């Protein structure tokens, strides 16, 4: 594993995404608390994931995190359900979650840029908020295409470059730091989550998904854009507390609805 990817793995092995919400005395209570808060903060995930569409299908989730989505896919009774994640920590959480609910997980540590599966293996490939962290996102998307069966559907969320989150990070680490020439690319890579995190324009996303026959791209204001919920491992302090208190959420929702961090992409592989 190269140095860049190892840095990403080390970051997420310290704390899985959403782990800050995992309060409780038992593993079950911790996992349930995390899932409930995720549903509250990100109600649009269920509509995008379409868990029920997995019934009778072969499903792959890339980046299982703490397993909240993976459990919902398992409940939908797919023909098969497989998950991979770069970190051992995420695999442990997801295995615990599924076993607590009576499922036998098929999950493993794996690399999104080199999926250990044969061509045309899955009917649905799902990944929410993961592929922008791997060093070569375009290669990961090529792998998604390869393992999808003809007519299969990919539902992928990656970060959107022109987002409220990006603008706020630029104000904090660019303008207010006396470095206004810093680009959004630099800001995302250095200050948003794991080292090297990327965000893409719609056109860049279209290029990465050019192999697919059908493509739908929607942007979504998320809790990060609206300063709701926790800000993650990297961001704490008085300035953030003040920003959360005075953030003009109503104005952002009304005037800048297309400047959300989440870019949700649904793409279909050509049927033979």
Protein backbone atom coordinates (compact mmCIF):
# COMPACT_ATOMS: atom_id res chain seq x y z
CA UNK A 1 0.00 0.00 0.00
CA UNK A 2 1.42 3.37 -0.98
CA UNK A 3 2.06 6.15 1.54
CA UNK A 4 -0.91 8.23 0.45
CA UNK A 5 -3.39 5.39 0.82
CA UNK A 6 -1.86 4.32 4.11
CA UNK A 7 -2.45 7.83 5.47
CA UNK A 8 -6.13 7.53 4.53
CA UNK A 9 -6.37 4.13 6.19
CA UNK A 10 -4.66 5.36 9.36
CA UNK A 11 -7.04 8.33 9.59
CA UNK A 12 -10.20 6.23 9.41
CA UNK A 13 -8.77 3.49 11.63
CA UNK A 14 -8.56 6.08 14.41
CA UNK A 15 -12.33 6.66 14.23
CA UNK A 16 -14.86 5.49 11.69
CA UNK A 17 -17.11 8.04 10.04
CA UNK A 18 -19.99 8.82 12.41
CA UNK A 19 -18.39 7.15 15.40
CA UNK A 20 -18.79 10.39 17.38
CA UNK A 21 -22.52 9.62 17.51
CA UNK A 22 -22.03 6.10 18.88
CA UNK A 23 -23.01 6.74 22.49
CA UNK A 24 -24.10 4.01 24.89
CA UNK A 25 -22.85 1.31 27.23
CA UNK A 26 -23.10 -1.67 24.89
CA UNK A 27 -22.14 -2.29 21.29
CA UNK A 28 -25.83 -2.58 20.37
CA UNK A 29 -26.71 0.76 21.97
CA UNK A 30 -23.68 2.47 20.42
CA UNK A 31 -24.50 1.23 16.94
CA UNK A 32 -28.19 2.02 17.26
CA UNK A 33 -27.41 5.55 18.46
CA UNK A 34 -25.11 6.15 15.50
CA UNK A 35 -27.69 4.87 13.01
CA UNK A 36 -30.49 6.94 14.53
CA UNK A 37 -28.46 10.15 14.43
CA UNK A 38 -27.41 9.41 10.87
CA UNK A 39 -31.03 9.02 9.84
CA UNK A 40 -31.90 12.30 11.55
CA UNK A 41 -29.07 14.30 9.99
CA UNK A 42 -29.16 12.65 6.55
CA UNK A 43 -32.74 11.62 5.76
CA UNK A 44 -32.02 11.76 2.03
CA UNK A 45 -29.71 8.73 2.20
CA UNK A 46 -32.56 6.22 2.31
CA UNK A 47 -34.18 7.70 -0.79
CA UNK A 48 -30.88 7.62 -2.65
CA UNK A 49 -29.84 4.13 -1.51
CA UNK A 50 -33.25 2.57 -2.30
CA UNK A 51 -32.59 -0.36 0.00
CA UNK A 52 -35.73 -2.20 -1.10
CA UNK A 53 -34.42 -2.37 -4.67
CA UNK A 54 -31.79 -4.82 -3.42
CA UNK A 55 -34.34 -7.61 -2.96
CA UNK A 56 -33.18 -10.63 -4.95
CA UNK A 57 -30.13 -8.74 -6.29
CA UNK A 58 -26.39 -9.18 -5.86
CA UNK A 59 -25.22 -6.13 -3.92
CA UNK A 60 -21.77 -4.71 -3.19
CA UNK A 61 -21.15 -1.86 -0.78
CA UNK A 62 -17.76 -0.15 -1.07
CA UNK A 63 -16.84 1.49 2.23
CA UNK A 64 -19.16 -0.02 4.81
CA UNK A 65 -18.18 2.39 7.60
CA UNK A 66 -20.10 1.50 10.76
CA UNK A 67 -22.54 -0.65 8.79
CA UNK A 68 -25.78 1.36 9.04
CA UNK A 69 -26.51 1.12 5.31
CA UNK A 70 -25.21 -2.42 5.12
CA UNK A 71 -27.77 -3.55 7.69
CA UNK A 72 -30.60 -1.92 5.73
CA UNK A 73 -29.50 -3.71 2.57
CA UNK A 74 -29.39 -7.00 4.50
CA UNK A 75 -32.98 -6.45 5.69
CA UNK A 76 -34.06 -6.07 2.04
CA UNK A 77 -33.24 -9.75 1.39
CA UNK A 78 -30.74 -9.49 -1.46
CA UNK A 79 -29.58 -12.58 -3.31
CA UNK A 80 -26.14 -11.78 -1.93
CA UNK A 81 -24.61 -8.89 0.01
CA UNK A 82 -20.90 -8.16 0.04
CA UNK A 83 -19.02 -5.31 1.68
CA UNK A 84 -15.47 -4.03 1.69
CA UNK A 85 -13.70 -1.28 3.56
CA UNK A 86 -10.12 -0.05 3.69
CA UNK A 87 -10.05 -0.29 7.49
CA UNK A 88 -10.23 -3.11 9.96
CA UNK A 89 -12.13 -0.83 12.36
CA UNK A 90 -15.06 -0.46 9.97
CA UNK A 91 -15.16 -4.18 9.28
CA UNK A 92 -15.36 -4.90 13.02
CA UNK A 93 -18.21 -2.42 13.51
CA UNK A 94 -20.17 -3.73 10.54
CA UNK A 95 -19.68 -7.36 11.48
CA UNK A 96 -20.91 -6.62 15.00
CA UNK A 97 -23.95 -4.73 13.71
CA UNK A 98 -25.10 -7.44 11.33
CA UNK A 99 -24.51 -10.26 13.80
CA UNK A 100 -26.46 -8.40 16.49
CA UNK A 101 -29.42 -8.35 14.10
CA UNK A 102 -29.10 -12.01 13.16
CA UNK A 103 -27.30 -11.71 9.81
CA UNK A 104 -24.11 -13.43 8.69
CA UNK A 105 -21.96 -10.76 7.05
CA UNK A 106 -19.75 -11.24 4.01
CA UNK A 107 -17.37 -8.35 4.52
CA UNK A 108 -13.64 -7.88 4.15
CA UNK A 109 -10.82 -5.38 4.15
CA UNK A 110 -10.31 -4.31 0.55
CA UNK A 111 -9.13 -1.61 -1.82
CA UNK A 112 -11.70 0.25 -3.93
CA UNK A 113 -9.09 0.73 -6.64
CA UNK A 114 -8.54 -3.02 -7.00
CA UNK A 115 -11.76 -4.83 -6.14
CA UNK A 116 -11.19 -8.55 -5.49
CA UNK A 117 -14.19 -9.63 -7.57
CA UNK A 118 -14.73 -10.97 -11.07
CA UNK A 119 -16.18 -8.90 -13.88
CA UNK A 120 -20.00 -8.58 -13.95
CA UNK A 121 -20.40 -9.86 -10.37
CA UNK A 122 -23.03 -7.48 -8.96
CA UNK A 123 -26.38 -5.98 -9.88
CA UNK A 124 -26.00 -3.00 -7.52
CA UNK A 125 -22.83 -1.26 -6.37
CA UNK A 126 -23.36 1.29 -3.62
CA UNK A 127 -20.87 3.66 -2.00
CA UNK A 128 -21.78 6.69 0.07
CA UNK A 129 -19.08 9.23 0.86
CA UNK A 130 -16.09 6.98 0.27
CA UNK A 131 -14.51 7.13 -3.18
CA UNK A 132 -13.37 10.75 -2.87
CA UNK A 133 -10.98 9.54 -0.15
CA UNK A 134 -9.10 6.99 -2.23
CA UNK A 135 -6.11 8.50 -4.06
CA UNK A 136 -7.32 7.50 -7.54
CA UNK A 137 -11.07 8.03 -7.57
CA UNK A 138 -11.33 7.57 -11.33
CA UNK A 139 -9.72 4.13 -11.04
CA UNK A 140 -12.18 3.19 -8.29
CA UNK A 141 -15.08 4.14 -10.57
CA UNK A 142 -13.59 2.05 -13.37
CA UNK A 143 -13.60 -0.85 -10.93
CA UNK A 144 -17.25 -0.18 -10.09
CA UNK A 145 -18.05 -0.40 -13.79
CA UNK A 146 -16.03 -3.59 -14.21
CA UNK A 147 -17.71 -5.54 -11.42
CA UNK A 148 -21.23 -4.39 -12.32
CA UNK A 149 -23.26 -6.80 -14.41
CA UNK A 150 -24.72 -5.49 -17.69
CA UNK A 151 -27.78 -3.43 -16.81
CA UNK A 152 -26.53 -3.05 -13.24
CA UNK A 153 -26.81 0.18 -11.27
CA UNK A 154 -24.18 2.14 -9.35
CA UNK A 155 -25.25 4.58 -6.65
CA UNK A 156 -22.25 6.62 -5.59
CA UNK A 157 -21.94 9.74 -3.45
CA UNK A 158 -18.78 11.77 -3.87
CA UNK A 159 -18.05 15.31 -2.75
CA UNK A 160 -19.06 18.33 -4.82
CA UNK A 161 -16.35 20.96 -5.30
CA UNK A 162 -18.53 24.08 -5.25
CA UNK A 163 -20.09 23.59 -1.85
CA UNK A 164 -20.86 25.68 1.22
CA UNK A 165 -18.51 23.43 3.16
CA UNK A 166 -15.69 24.20 0.73
CA UNK A 167 -16.35 27.93 0.89
CA UNK A 168 -16.32 27.89 4.71
CA UNK A 169 -13.08 25.93 4.79
CA UNK A 170 -11.53 28.40 2.34
CA UNK A 171 -12.56 31.33 4.55
CA UNK A 172 -11.02 29.65 7.59
CA UNK A 173 -7.84 28.20 6.10
CA UNK A 174 -7.41 30.51 3.09
CA UNK A 175 -8.64 34.05 3.58
CA UNK A 176 -8.56 34.28 7.39
CA UNK A 177 -5.19 32.48 7.44
CA UNK A 178 -3.72 35.12 5.13
CA UNK A 179 -3.47 32.64 2.24
CA UNK A 180 -6.28 33.64 -0.15
CA UNK A 181 -4.51 32.03 -3.12
CA UNK A 182 -5.18 28.56 -1.71
CA UNK A 183 -7.42 26.64 -4.07
CA UNK A 184 -10.44 24.60 -3.09
CA UNK A 185 -8.52 21.52 -4.20
CA UNK A 186 -5.78 22.27 -1.67
CA UNK A 187 -8.29 23.11 1.04
CA UNK A 188 -10.20 19.85 0.66
CA UNK A 189 -7.01 17.79 0.54
CA UNK A 190 -5.56 19.35 3.68
CA UNK A 191 -8.52 20.21 5.89
CA UNK A 192 -11.56 18.06 5.11
CA UNK A 193 -11.38 14.63 6.71
CA UNK A 194 -8.64 12.22 5.64
CA UNK A 195 -5.49 13.51 3.90
CA UNK A 196 -5.96 13.98 0.16
CA UNK A 197 -9.76 14.16 0.24
CA UNK A 198 -11.09 15.38 -3.11
CA UNK A 199 -14.22 17.08 -4.43
CA UNK A 200 -15.38 17.17 -8.03
CA UNK A 201 -17.34 19.35 -10.39
CA UNK A 202 -20.33 17.93 -12.22
CA UNK A 203 -18.32 17.86 -15.45
CA UNK A 204 -15.44 15.98 -13.82
CA UNK A 205 -17.94 13.46 -12.50
CA UNK A 206 -19.49 13.03 -15.94
CA UNK A 207 -16.05 12.30 -17.35
CA UNK A 208 -15.32 9.69 -14.67
CA UNK A 209 -18.66 7.99 -15.34
CA UNK A 210 -18.42 8.30 -19.14
CA UNK A 211 -18.48 4.51 -19.63
CA UNK A 212 -21.98 4.26 -18.20
CA UNK A 213 -25.08 4.39 -20.35
CA UNK A 214 -27.32 6.43 -18.05
CA UNK A 215 -26.21 9.06 -15.57
CA UNK A 216 -28.08 11.18 -13.03
CA UNK A 217 -26.30 13.73 -10.82
CA UNK A 218 -27.93 15.58 -7.92
CA UNK A 219 -26.30 17.80 -5.33
CA UNK A 220 -27.52 17.87 -1.74
CA UNK A 221 -26.94 20.33 1.08
CA UNK A 222 -25.66 18.24 3.96
CA UNK A 223 -25.29 18.73 7.69
CA UNK A 224 -21.74 19.98 7.08
CA UNK A 225 -22.94 22.75 4.78
CA UNK A 226 -25.58 23.72 7.35
CA UNK A 227 -23.28 23.29 10.38
CA UNK A 228 -25.59 20.76 11.97
CA UNK A 229 -24.20 17.79 13.85
CA UNK A 230 -20.52 17.24 14.58
CA UNK A 231 -17.74 18.54 12.34
CA UNK A 232 -15.44 15.52 12.40
CA UNK A 233 -11.98 14.73 13.71
CA UNK A 234 -10.23 17.85 12.41
CA UNK A 235 -12.48 20.71 13.46
CA UNK A 236 -13.11 21.95 16.99
CA UNK A 237 -12.96 25.19 18.95
CA UNK A 238 -14.62 28.51 19.68
CA UNK A 239 -14.70 29.74 16.07
CA UNK A 240 -16.68 26.69 15.00
CA UNK A 241 -19.07 27.08 17.94
CA UNK A 242 -19.75 30.69 17.00
CA UNK A 243 -20.19 29.83 13.33
CA UNK A 244 -22.73 27.12 14.20
CA UNK A 245 -24.68 29.57 16.34
CA UNK A 246 -24.95 32.31 13.72
CA UNK A 247 -24.95 30.25 10.50
CA UNK A 248 -27.65 31.53 8.07
CA UNK A 249 -29.18 28.13 7.35
CA UNK A 250 -32.47 29.51 6.06
CA UNK A 251 -30.67 31.73 3.55
CA UNK A 252 -28.44 28.90 2.34
CA UNK A 253 -31.41 26.59 1.82
CA UNK A 254 -33.25 29.27 -0.11
CA UNK A 255 -30.46 30.90 -2.15
CA UNK A 256 -27.80 28.20 -2.57
CA UNK A 257 -29.55 24.82 -2.74
CA UNK A 258 -27.21 23.60 -5.51
CA UNK A 259 -24.07 24.24 -3.48
CA UNK A 260 -24.24 21.16 -1.31
CA UNK A 261 -21.20 19.04 -0.53
CA UNK A 262 -22.88 15.76 -1.42
CA UNK A 263 -23.03 14.86 -5.11
CA UNK A 264 -25.24 11.81 -5.48
CA UNK A 265 -24.75 9.91 -8.71
CA UNK A 266 -26.80 7.08 -10.14
CA UNK A 267 -25.37 5.38 -13.21
CA UNK A 268 -26.39 2.30 -15.19
CA UNK A 269 -24.08 -0.04 -17.07
CA UNK A 270 -25.13 -0.85 -20.62
CA UNK A 271 -27.22 -3.99 -21.00
CA UNK A 272 -25.90 -6.49 -23.52
